[in-house]
Amino acid sequence: MTVRDTRVVQVDGTRVTVGVDSAPACSGCRSQTVCGSAPNTLHQLELPSAQAASLRPGDLIALGIDDDAPLRAVMLAYLPPLAGLLAGIGAGSVAGLPDVAVLACGGSGLCFGAVIARLLAGHWRESWRPRICGSGD
């Protein structure tokens, strides 16, 4: 698990808004202006937390995310649509359809795979969200 110290910006009921500074590694990147992660940039994340009642703005907390969460998210974003595209093209080819119809089958499979990815992402979203691991003191 990757853990990083952050500051609480706002507490609203059971939701906590934290400010995360841009990564130190971003300072040497030439693409800073494109991605918005220039040095000294503060990104805010709003997270649900059962500990919200005990937190105050300005508190230092540890925010963590599973190491494999970004890889799982990328795999979910790309693999189901790709599988749908290939399955649609394969099904159209096996059925002996003309090229335009095979292309339409591939497009339909791509859309179907994207819908499946979207449904699965909604189901697994909480496991990929950063969470408060404790105080950063």
C-alpha atoms as a PDB file:
ATOM      1  CA  MET A   1       0.000   0.000   0.000  1.00  0.00           C
ATOM      2  CA  THR A   2       1.294   3.429  -0.913  1.00  0.00           C
ATOM      3  CA  VAL A   3       0.790   5.917   1.917  1.00  0.00           C
ATOM      4  CA  ARG A   4       1.170   9.674   1.738  1.00  0.00           C
ATOM      5  CA  ASP A   5       0.686  12.408   4.320  1.00  0.00           C
ATOM      6  CA  THR A   6      -1.997  14.973   3.483  1.00  0.00           C
ATOM      7  CA  ARG A   7      -3.855  17.801   5.215  1.00  0.00           C
ATOM      8  CA  VAL A   8      -7.571  17.932   5.924  1.00  0.00           C
ATOM      9  CA  VAL A   9      -9.133  20.893   4.112  1.00  0.00           C
ATOM     10  CA  GLN A  10     -12.786  20.481   5.081  1.00  0.00           C
ATOM     11  CA  VAL A  11     -15.019  18.130   7.067  1.00  0.00           C
ATOM     12  CA  ASP A  12     -18.688  17.857   6.113  1.00  0.00           C
ATOM     13  CA  GLY A  13     -20.685  15.200   7.955  1.00  0.00           C
ATOM     14  CA  THR A  14     -19.158  11.848   6.978  1.00  0.00           C
ATOM     15  CA  ARG A  15     -17.129  13.292   4.093  1.00  0.00           C
ATOM     16  CA  VAL A  16     -13.589  14.604   4.384  1.00  0.00           C
ATOM     17  CA  THR A  17     -11.898  16.823   1.799  1.00  0.00           C
ATOM     18  CA  VAL A  18      -8.117  16.477   1.772  1.00  0.00           C
ATOM     19  CA  GLY A  19      -5.503  18.507  -0.085  1.00  0.00           C
ATOM     20  CA  VAL A  20      -2.812  16.480  -1.828  1.00  0.00           C
ATOM     21  CA  ASP A  21       0.319  18.270  -3.071  1.00  0.00           C
ATOM     22  CA  SER A  22       1.617  17.343  -6.499  1.00  0.00           C
ATOM     23  CA  ALA A  23       4.253  14.645  -6.451  1.00  0.00           C
ATOM     24  CA  PRO A  24       7.884  15.757  -6.091  1.00  0.00           C
ATOM     25  CA  ALA A  25       8.690  13.730  -9.216  1.00  0.00           C
ATOM     26  CA  CYS A  26       6.463  16.059 -11.237  1.00  0.00           C
ATOM     27  CA  SER A  27       8.878  18.951 -10.853  1.00  0.00           C
ATOM     28  CA  GLY A  28      11.265  17.506 -13.465  1.00  0.00           C
ATOM     29  CA  CYS A  29       8.592  16.598 -16.000  1.00  0.00           C
ATOM     30  CA  ARG A  30       8.206  18.693 -19.147  1.00  0.00           C
ATOM     31  CA  SER A  31       4.491  17.858 -19.404  1.00  0.00           C
ATOM     32  CA  GLN A  32       3.535  19.660 -16.183  1.00  0.00           C
ATOM     33  CA  THR A  33       1.479  22.332 -17.878  1.00  0.00           C
ATOM     34  CA  VAL A  34      -0.559  19.769 -19.788  1.00  0.00           C
ATOM     35  CA  CYS A  35      -1.530  17.486 -16.905  1.00  0.00           C
ATOM     36  CA  GLY A  36      -2.035  20.197 -14.294  1.00  0.00           C
ATOM     37  CA  SER A  37       0.435  18.743 -11.804  1.00  0.00           C
ATOM     38  CA  ALA A  38       2.902  21.593 -11.743  1.00  0.00           C
ATOM     39  CA  PRO A  39       4.966  21.910  -8.563  1.00  0.00           C
ATOM     40  CA  ASN A  40       3.133  23.401  -5.587  1.00  0.00           C
ATOM     41  CA  THR A  41      -0.275  22.490  -7.047  1.00  0.00           C
ATOM     42  CA  LEU A  42      -2.873  21.369  -4.503  1.00  0.00           C
ATOM     43  CA  HIS A  43      -5.372  18.742  -5.651  1.00  0.00           C
ATOM     44  CA  GLN A  44      -8.436  18.173  -3.495  1.00  0.00           C
ATOM     45  CA  LEU A  45     -10.065  14.780  -2.960  1.00  0.00           C
ATOM     46  CA  GLU A  46     -13.383  14.234  -1.224  1.00  0.00           C
ATOM     47  CA  LEU A  47     -13.527  10.917   0.616  1.00  0.00           C
ATOM     48  CA  PRO A  48     -16.124   9.186   2.770  1.00  0.00           C
ATOM     49  CA  SER A  49     -14.778   8.452   6.233  1.00  0.00           C
ATOM     50  CA  ALA A  50     -16.126   6.993   9.442  1.00  0.00           C
ATOM     51  CA  GLN A  51     -13.454   9.022  11.289  1.00  0.00           C
ATOM     52  CA  ALA A  52     -14.768  12.362   9.977  1.00  0.00           C
ATOM     53  CA  ALA A  53     -16.160  13.414  13.371  1.00  0.00           C
ATOM     54  CA  SER A  54     -12.705  13.295  14.959  1.00  0.00           C
ATOM     55  CA  LEU A  55     -10.979  15.278  12.183  1.00  0.00           C
ATOM     56  CA  ARG A  56     -10.597  19.049  11.909  1.00  0.00           C
ATOM     57  CA  PRO A  57      -9.353  21.232   9.041  1.00  0.00           C
ATOM     58  CA  GLY A  58      -5.571  21.417   9.143  1.00  0.00           C
ATOM     59  CA  ASP A  59      -5.091  17.947  10.682  1.00  0.00           C
ATOM     60  CA  LEU A  60      -2.308  15.860   9.159  1.00  0.00           C
ATOM     61  CA  ILE A  61      -3.514  12.394   8.079  1.00  0.00           C
ATOM     62  CA  ALA A  62      -2.088   9.433   6.164  1.00  0.00           C
ATOM     63  CA  LEU A  63      -3.883   8.667   2.915  1.00  0.00           C
ATOM     64  CA  GLY A  64      -3.283   5.245   1.334  1.00  0.00           C
ATOM     65  CA  ILE A  65      -4.105   3.396  -1.871  1.00  0.00           C
ATOM     66  CA  ASP A  66      -3.440  -0.240  -2.780  1.00  0.00           C
ATOM     67  CA  ASP A  67      -0.381  -0.658  -4.993  1.00  0.00           C
ATOM     68  CA  ASP A  68      -2.240  -2.716  -7.578  1.00  0.00           C
ATOM     69  CA  ALA A  69      -5.315  -0.441  -7.812  1.00  0.00           C
ATOM     70  CA  PRO A  70      -4.046   1.646 -10.779  1.00  0.00           C
ATOM     71  CA  LEU A  71      -3.134  -1.478 -12.749  1.00  0.00           C
ATOM     72  CA  ARG A  72      -6.528  -3.070 -12.067  1.00  0.00           C
ATOM     73  CA  ALA A  73      -8.283   0.136 -13.139  1.00  0.00           C
ATOM     74  CA  VAL A  74      -6.351   0.306 -16.414  1.00  0.00           C
ATOM     75  CA  MET A  75      -6.998  -3.371 -17.134  1.00  0.00           C
ATOM     76  CA  LEU A  76     -10.709  -2.882 -16.517  1.00  0.00           C
ATOM     77  CA  ALA A  77     -10.808   0.189 -18.753  1.00  0.00           C
ATOM     78  CA  TYR A  78      -9.122  -1.499 -21.728  1.00  0.00           C
ATOM     79  CA  LEU A  79      -9.647  -5.267 -21.632  1.00  0.00           C
ATOM     80  CA  PRO A  80     -13.475  -5.658 -21.766  1.00  0.00           C
ATOM     81  CA  PRO A  81     -13.895  -3.244 -24.715  1.00  0.00           C
ATOM     82  CA  LEU A  82     -10.994  -4.894 -26.556  1.00  0.00           C
ATOM     83  CA  ALA A  83     -12.414  -8.365 -25.902  1.00  0.00           C
ATOM     84  CA  GLY A  84     -15.830  -7.187 -27.119  1.00  0.00           C
ATOM     85  CA  LEU A  85     -14.314  -5.720 -30.286  1.00  0.00           C
ATOM     86  CA  LEU A  86     -12.404  -8.907 -31.097  1.00  0.00           C
ATOM     87  CA  ALA A  87     -15.394 -11.128 -30.261  1.00  0.00           C
ATOM     88  CA  GLY A  88     -17.678  -9.046 -32.473  1.00  0.00           C
ATOM     89  CA  ILE A  89     -15.247  -9.138 -35.386  1.00  0.00           C
ATOM     90  CA  GLY A  90     -14.709 -12.868 -34.912  1.00  0.00           C
ATOM     91  CA  ALA A  91     -18.441 -13.605 -34.753  1.00  0.00           C
ATOM     92  CA  GLY A  92     -19.116 -11.543 -37.867  1.00  0.00           C
ATOM     93  CA  SER A  93     -16.304 -13.243 -39.758  1.00  0.00           C
ATOM     94  CA  VAL A  94     -17.388 -16.757 -38.754  1.00  0.00           C
ATOM     95  CA  ALA A  95     -20.953 -15.957 -39.798  1.00  0.00           C
ATOM     96  CA  GLY A  96     -19.642 -15.057 -43.277  1.00  0.00           C
ATOM     97  CA  LEU A  97     -20.976 -11.503 -43.216  1.00  0.00           C
ATOM     98  CA  PRO A  98     -19.695  -8.824 -45.597  1.00  0.00           C
ATOM     99  CA  ASP A  99     -16.894  -6.554 -44.383  1.00  0.00           C
ATOM    100  CA  VAL A 100     -19.192  -3.667 -43.471  1.00  0.00           C
ATOM    101  CA  ALA A 101     -21.329  -5.964 -41.323  1.00  0.00           C
ATOM    102  CA  VAL A 102     -18.199  -7.413 -39.664  1.00  0.00           C
ATOM    103  CA  LEU A 103     -17.145  -3.854 -38.851  1.00  0.00           C
ATOM    104  CA  ALA A 104     -20.595  -3.169 -37.376  1.00  0.00           C
ATOM    105  CA  CYS A 105     -20.338  -6.348 -35.276  1.00  0.00           C
ATOM    106  CA  GLY A 106     -16.949  -5.194 -34.014  1.00  0.00           C
ATOM    107  CA  GLY A 107     -18.358  -1.771 -33.105  1.00  0.00           C
ATOM    108  CA  SER A 108     -21.273  -3.394 -31.294  1.00  0.00           C
ATOM    109  CA  GLY A 109     -18.897  -5.649 -29.381  1.00  0.00           C
ATOM    110  CA  LEU A 110     -16.746  -2.654 -28.456  1.00  0.00           C
ATOM    111  CA  CYS A 111     -19.796  -0.810 -27.081  1.00  0.00           C
ATOM    112  CA  PHE A 112     -20.946  -3.900 -25.199  1.00  0.00           C
ATOM    113  CA  GLY A 113     -17.483  -4.304 -23.644  1.00  0.00           C
ATOM    114  CA  ALA A 114     -17.463  -0.633 -22.624  1.00  0.00           C
ATOM    115  CA  VAL A 115     -20.828  -1.053 -20.902  1.00  0.00           C
ATOM    116  CA  ILE A 116     -19.554  -4.136 -19.056  1.00  0.00           C
ATOM    117  CA  ALA A 117     -16.426  -2.211 -17.974  1.00  0.00           C
ATOM    118  CA  ARG A 118     -18.589   0.660 -16.729  1.00  0.00           C
ATOM    119  CA  LEU A 119     -20.794  -1.680 -14.682  1.00  0.00           C
ATOM    120  CA  LEU A 120     -17.805  -3.455 -13.151  1.00  0.00           C
ATOM    121  CA  ALA A 121     -16.088  -0.139 -12.366  1.00  0.00           C
ATOM    122  CA  GLY A 122     -19.147   1.004 -10.422  1.00  0.00           C
ATOM    123  CA  HIS A 123     -19.119  -2.262  -8.496  1.00  0.00           C
ATOM    124  CA  TRP A 124     -15.394  -2.088  -7.605  1.00  0.00           C
ATOM    125  CA  ARG A 125     -15.040   1.695  -7.212  1.00  0.00           C
ATOM    126  CA  GLU A 126     -14.769   1.693  -3.411  1.00  0.00           C
ATOM    127  CA  SER A 127     -11.866  -0.757  -3.388  1.00  0.00           C
ATOM    128  CA  TRP A 128      -9.838   1.580  -5.657  1.00  0.00           C
ATOM    129  CA  ARG A 129     -10.527   4.789  -3.762  1.00  0.00           C
ATOM    130  CA  PRO A 130      -7.789   6.209  -1.528  1.00  0.00           C
ATOM    131  CA  ARG A 131      -8.619   5.813   2.160  1.00  0.00           C
ATOM    132  CA  ILE A 132      -7.546   7.343   5.414  1.00  0.00           C
ATOM    133  CA  CYS A 133      -5.034   5.044   7.100  1.00  0.00           C
ATOM    134  CA  GLY A 134      -4.457   7.055  10.263  1.00  0.00           C
ATOM    135  CA  SER A 135      -2.885  10.223  11.500  1.00  0.00           C
ATOM    136  CA  GLY A 136       0.227  11.458   9.740  1.00  0.00           C
ATOM    137  CA  ASP A 137       1.863  12.787  12.906  1.00  0.00           C
END
